[in-house]
C-alpha atoms as a PDB file:
ATOM      1  CA  MET A   1     -25.621   4.755 -17.602  1.00  0.00           C
ATOM      2  CA  ILE A   2     -23.404   6.701 -15.282  1.00  0.00           C
ATOM      3  CA  ALA A   3     -20.403   4.976 -13.673  1.00  0.00           C
ATOM      4  CA  GLY A   4     -17.778   6.163 -11.254  1.00  0.00           C
ATOM      5  CA  ILE A   5     -16.009   5.719  -7.968  1.00  0.00           C
ATOM      6  CA  VAL A   6     -18.084   5.619  -4.740  1.00  0.00           C
ATOM      7  CA  ASN A   7     -16.341   8.143  -2.555  1.00  0.00           C
ATOM      8  CA  LYS A   8     -15.570   6.760   0.943  1.00  0.00           C
ATOM      9  CA  ASP A   9     -17.732   9.500   2.390  1.00  0.00           C
ATOM     10  CA  ASN A  10     -20.756   8.044   0.572  1.00  0.00           C
ATOM     11  CA  LEU A  11     -19.922   4.342   1.287  1.00  0.00           C
ATOM     12  CA  THR A  12     -22.366   4.063   4.212  1.00  0.00           C
ATOM     13  CA  ALA A  13     -25.142   5.446   2.093  1.00  0.00           C
ATOM     14  CA  TYR A  14     -24.446   3.094  -0.834  1.00  0.00           C
ATOM     15  CA  TRP A  15     -23.712   0.022   1.232  1.00  0.00           C
ATOM     16  CA  PRO A  16     -27.240  -1.148   1.712  1.00  0.00           C
ATOM     17  CA  ILE A  17     -27.786  -0.933  -2.036  1.00  0.00           C
ATOM     18  CA  VAL A  18     -24.572  -2.600  -3.184  1.00  0.00           C
ATOM     19  CA  GLU A  19     -24.077  -5.107  -0.313  1.00  0.00           C
ATOM     20  CA  PRO A  20     -26.604  -7.723  -1.693  1.00  0.00           C
ATOM     21  CA  MET A  21     -24.703  -7.748  -5.010  1.00  0.00           C
ATOM     22  CA  ILE A  22     -21.387  -8.236  -3.166  1.00  0.00           C
ATOM     23  CA  ALA A  23     -22.800 -10.859  -0.862  1.00  0.00           C
ATOM     24  CA  LYS A  24     -24.174 -12.839  -3.853  1.00  0.00           C
ATOM     25  CA  ALA A  25     -20.822 -12.592  -5.723  1.00  0.00           C
ATOM     26  CA  CYS A  26     -19.060 -13.835  -2.573  1.00  0.00           C
ATOM     27  CA  LEU A  27     -20.992 -17.124  -2.761  1.00  0.00           C
ATOM     28  CA  TYR A  28     -18.923 -17.874  -5.964  1.00  0.00           C
ATOM     29  CA  SER A  29     -15.574 -16.708  -4.609  1.00  0.00           C
ATOM     30  CA  GLY A  30     -14.604 -19.770  -2.581  1.00  0.00           C
ATOM     31  CA  ASP A  31     -15.546 -18.273   0.720  1.00  0.00           C
ATOM     32  CA  CYS A  32     -12.278 -16.184   0.849  1.00  0.00           C
ATOM     33  CA  TYR A  33     -14.206 -12.882   1.453  1.00  0.00           C
ATOM     34  CA  GLY A  34     -17.474 -11.827   2.821  1.00  0.00           C
ATOM     35  CA  SER A  35     -19.204  -8.542   2.153  1.00  0.00           C
ATOM     36  CA  ASP A  36     -18.071  -7.188   5.564  1.00  0.00           C
ATOM     37  CA  ASP A  37     -14.438  -7.838   4.499  1.00  0.00           C
ATOM     38  CA  TYR A  38     -14.970  -5.814   1.328  1.00  0.00           C
ATOM     39  CA  PHE A  39     -16.622  -2.992   3.365  1.00  0.00           C
ATOM     40  CA  GLN A  40     -13.507  -2.776   5.581  1.00  0.00           C
ATOM     41  CA  ASP A  41     -11.115  -2.846   2.611  1.00  0.00           C
ATOM     42  CA  ILE A  42     -13.070  -0.140   0.835  1.00  0.00           C
ATOM     43  CA  GLU A  43     -13.449   1.987   3.930  1.00  0.00           C
ATOM     44  CA  SER A  44      -9.760   1.799   4.641  1.00  0.00           C
ATOM     45  CA  GLY A  45      -8.800   2.748   1.093  1.00  0.00           C
ATOM     46  CA  LYS A  46      -7.242  -0.607   0.268  1.00  0.00           C
ATOM     47  CA  LYS A  47      -9.830  -1.204  -2.406  1.00  0.00           C
ATOM     48  CA  THR A  48     -12.036   1.078  -4.505  1.00  0.00           C
ATOM     49  CA  LEU A  49     -15.739   0.643  -5.133  1.00  0.00           C
ATOM     50  CA  TRP A  50     -17.129   1.522  -8.493  1.00  0.00           C
ATOM     51  CA  ALA A  51     -20.868   1.787  -9.249  1.00  0.00           C
ATOM     52  CA  ALA A  52     -22.812   1.840 -12.478  1.00  0.00           C
ATOM     53  CA  VAL A  53     -26.130   3.714 -12.084  1.00  0.00           C
ATOM     54  CA  GLU A  54     -29.003   3.899 -14.521  1.00  0.00           C
ATOM     55  CA  GLN A  55     -32.281   5.728 -13.870  1.00  0.00           C
ATOM     56  CA  GLY A  56     -31.417   6.037 -10.148  1.00  0.00           C
ATOM     57  CA  SER A  57     -30.706   2.359  -9.706  1.00  0.00           C
ATOM     58  CA  VAL A  58     -27.371   0.639  -9.223  1.00  0.00           C
ATOM     59  CA  LYS A  59     -26.993  -1.836 -12.044  1.00  0.00           C
ATOM     60  CA  GLY A  60     -23.542  -3.103 -11.303  1.00  0.00           C
ATOM     61  CA  ILE A  61     -20.412  -2.744  -9.232  1.00  0.00           C
ATOM     62  CA  ALA A  62     -16.676  -3.312  -9.494  1.00  0.00           C
ATOM     63  CA  ILE A  63     -14.198  -3.556  -6.652  1.00  0.00           C
ATOM     64  CA  VAL A  64     -10.675  -2.686  -7.723  1.00  0.00           C
ATOM     65  CA  GLN A  65      -7.371  -2.844  -5.914  1.00  0.00           C
ATOM     66  CA  LEU A  66      -4.122  -1.135  -6.998  1.00  0.00           C
ATOM     67  CA  LEU A  67      -1.112  -3.504  -6.457  1.00  0.00           C
ATOM     68  CA  LEU A  68       2.497  -2.565  -6.426  1.00  0.00           C
ATOM     69  CA  PHE A  69       4.873  -5.318  -7.449  1.00  0.00           C
ATOM     70  CA  PRO A  70       8.693  -4.970  -7.484  1.00  0.00           C
ATOM     71  CA  HIS A  71       8.652  -4.262 -11.272  1.00  0.00           C
ATOM     72  CA  LYS A  72       5.250  -2.848 -12.034  1.00  0.00           C
ATOM     73  CA  LYS A  73       2.004  -1.478 -10.714  1.00  0.00           C
ATOM     74  CA  CYS A  74      -1.204  -3.299 -11.733  1.00  0.00           C
ATOM     75  CA  ALA A  75      -4.869  -2.849 -11.082  1.00  0.00           C
ATOM     76  CA  TYR A  76      -6.715  -6.011  -9.946  1.00  0.00           C
ATOM     77  CA  ILE A  77     -10.456  -6.170 -10.523  1.00  0.00           C
ATOM     78  CA  ASP A  78     -11.488  -8.200  -7.528  1.00  0.00           C
ATOM     79  CA  MET A  79     -15.184  -8.177  -8.240  1.00  0.00           C
ATOM     80  CA  PHE A  80     -17.215  -7.178 -11.268  1.00  0.00           C
ATOM     81  CA  THR A  81     -20.930  -8.001 -11.002  1.00  0.00           C
ATOM     82  CA  GLY A  82     -24.261  -6.635 -11.900  1.00  0.00           C
ATOM     83  CA  THR A  83     -27.700  -7.183 -13.454  1.00  0.00           C
ATOM     84  CA  ASN A  84     -26.625  -6.649 -17.110  1.00  0.00           C
ATOM     85  CA  VAL A  85     -23.098  -7.750 -17.951  1.00  0.00           C
ATOM     86  CA  ASN A  86     -23.096  -6.059 -21.439  1.00  0.00           C
ATOM     87  CA  LYS A  87     -24.066  -2.671 -19.879  1.00  0.00           C
ATOM     88  CA  LEU A  88     -21.635  -3.193 -16.999  1.00  0.00           C
ATOM     89  CA  LEU A  89     -18.760  -3.861 -19.457  1.00  0.00           C
ATOM     90  CA  MET A  90     -19.398  -0.376 -20.918  1.00  0.00           C
ATOM     91  CA  PHE A  91     -17.778   1.208 -17.842  1.00  0.00           C
ATOM     92  CA  LEU A  92     -14.708  -0.969 -17.948  1.00  0.00           C
ATOM     93  CA  PRO A  93     -12.813   1.686 -20.059  1.00  0.00           C
ATOM     94  CA  LEU A  94     -13.306   4.153 -17.189  1.00  0.00           C
ATOM     95  CA  ILE A  95     -11.646   1.684 -14.739  1.00  0.00           C
ATOM     96  CA  GLU A  96      -8.882   1.097 -17.235  1.00  0.00           C
ATOM     97  CA  ALA A  97      -8.231   4.825 -17.663  1.00  0.00           C
ATOM     98  CA  TRP A  98      -8.299   5.359 -13.848  1.00  0.00           C
ATOM     99  CA  ALA A  99      -5.743   2.590 -13.448  1.00  0.00           C
ATOM    100  CA  LYS A 100      -3.501   4.103 -16.114  1.00  0.00           C
ATOM    101  CA  GLU A 101      -3.804   7.478 -14.473  1.00  0.00           C
ATOM    102  CA  ASN A 102      -2.684   5.872 -11.209  1.00  0.00           C
ATOM    103  CA  GLY A 103       0.487   4.535 -12.821  1.00  0.00           C
ATOM    104  CA  CYS A 104      -0.722   0.969 -13.631  1.00  0.00           C
ATOM    105  CA  VAL A 105       0.687  -0.818 -16.665  1.00  0.00           C
ATOM    106  CA  ARG A 106      -1.651  -3.825 -16.445  1.00  0.00           C
ATOM    107  CA  ILE A 107      -5.134  -4.687 -15.346  1.00  0.00           C
ATOM    108  CA  TYR A 108      -6.226  -8.201 -14.529  1.00  0.00           C
ATOM    109  CA  SER A 109      -8.925 -10.184 -12.845  1.00  0.00           C
ATOM    110  CA  ASN A 110     -10.033 -13.681 -11.968  1.00  0.00           C
ATOM    111  CA  ALA A 111     -13.180 -14.152 -14.023  1.00  0.00           C
ATOM    112  CA  ARG A 112     -15.428 -16.730 -15.561  1.00  0.00           C
ATOM    113  CA  LYS A 113     -14.382 -18.065 -18.965  1.00  0.00           C
ATOM    114  CA  GLY A 114     -17.421 -16.374 -20.653  1.00  0.00           C
ATOM    115  CA  TYR A 115     -15.830 -12.912 -20.123  1.00  0.00           C
ATOM    116  CA  LEU A 116     -13.060 -13.715 -22.622  1.00  0.00           C
ATOM    117  CA  LYS A 117     -15.675 -13.761 -25.443  1.00  0.00           C
ATOM    118  CA  LYS A 118     -16.819 -10.238 -24.456  1.00  0.00           C
ATOM    119  CA  LEU A 119     -13.437  -8.810 -23.671  1.00  0.00           C
ATOM    120  CA  LYS A 120     -11.658  -9.065 -26.993  1.00  0.00           C
ATOM    121  CA  ASP A 121      -8.585  -7.063 -25.978  1.00  0.00           C
ATOM    122  CA  TYR A 122      -7.958  -9.280 -22.868  1.00  0.00           C
ATOM    123  CA  SER A 123      -6.151 -12.544 -22.914  1.00  0.00           C
ATOM    124  CA  CYS A 124      -5.991 -15.601 -20.715  1.00  0.00           C
ATOM    125  CA  LYS A 125      -2.459 -15.984 -19.433  1.00  0.00           C
ATOM    126  CA  HIS A 126      -3.092 -18.467 -16.599  1.00  0.00           C
ATOM    127  CA  ILE A 127      -5.695 -20.519 -14.982  1.00  0.00           C
ATOM    128  CA  ILE A 128      -6.337 -20.723 -11.314  1.00  0.00           C
ATOM    129  CA  ILE A 129      -6.344 -24.153  -9.711  1.00  0.00           C
ATOM    130  CA  HIS A 130      -7.144 -24.857  -6.115  1.00  0.00           C
ATOM    131  CA  LYS A 131      -7.652 -27.704  -3.697  1.00  0.00           C
ATOM    132  CA  ASP A 132      -9.590 -27.448  -0.471  1.00  0.00           C
ATOM    133  CA  LEU A 133      -7.579 -29.021   2.363  1.00  0.00           C
END
């Protein structure tokens, strides 16, 4: 499997391939984002699209945002989805290395509980609670 950043110049070509994955993941995100919102954020450079490709087919994607806080810079994995989670997790070290190269000292994500079993060097510091109003 090959994984890497989808250059903004290639975004329009990749979009028809990755948009269904993004749209499906958006169904589980509490309706805060739609795939068009992600397109705009990626195109503007606010977020970065990563793709994992195997035998000419996109098997998974990640959308990552670099966040600058008053005391540290962090990478936030906004979306991490694909057809085979175990294979998809193999390219997580590339994202971590990229984040570190970009000055990040932490990487975090909102994720399903099942990921903790697979990500042994990650820890759960908080839970997210919400109430629809």
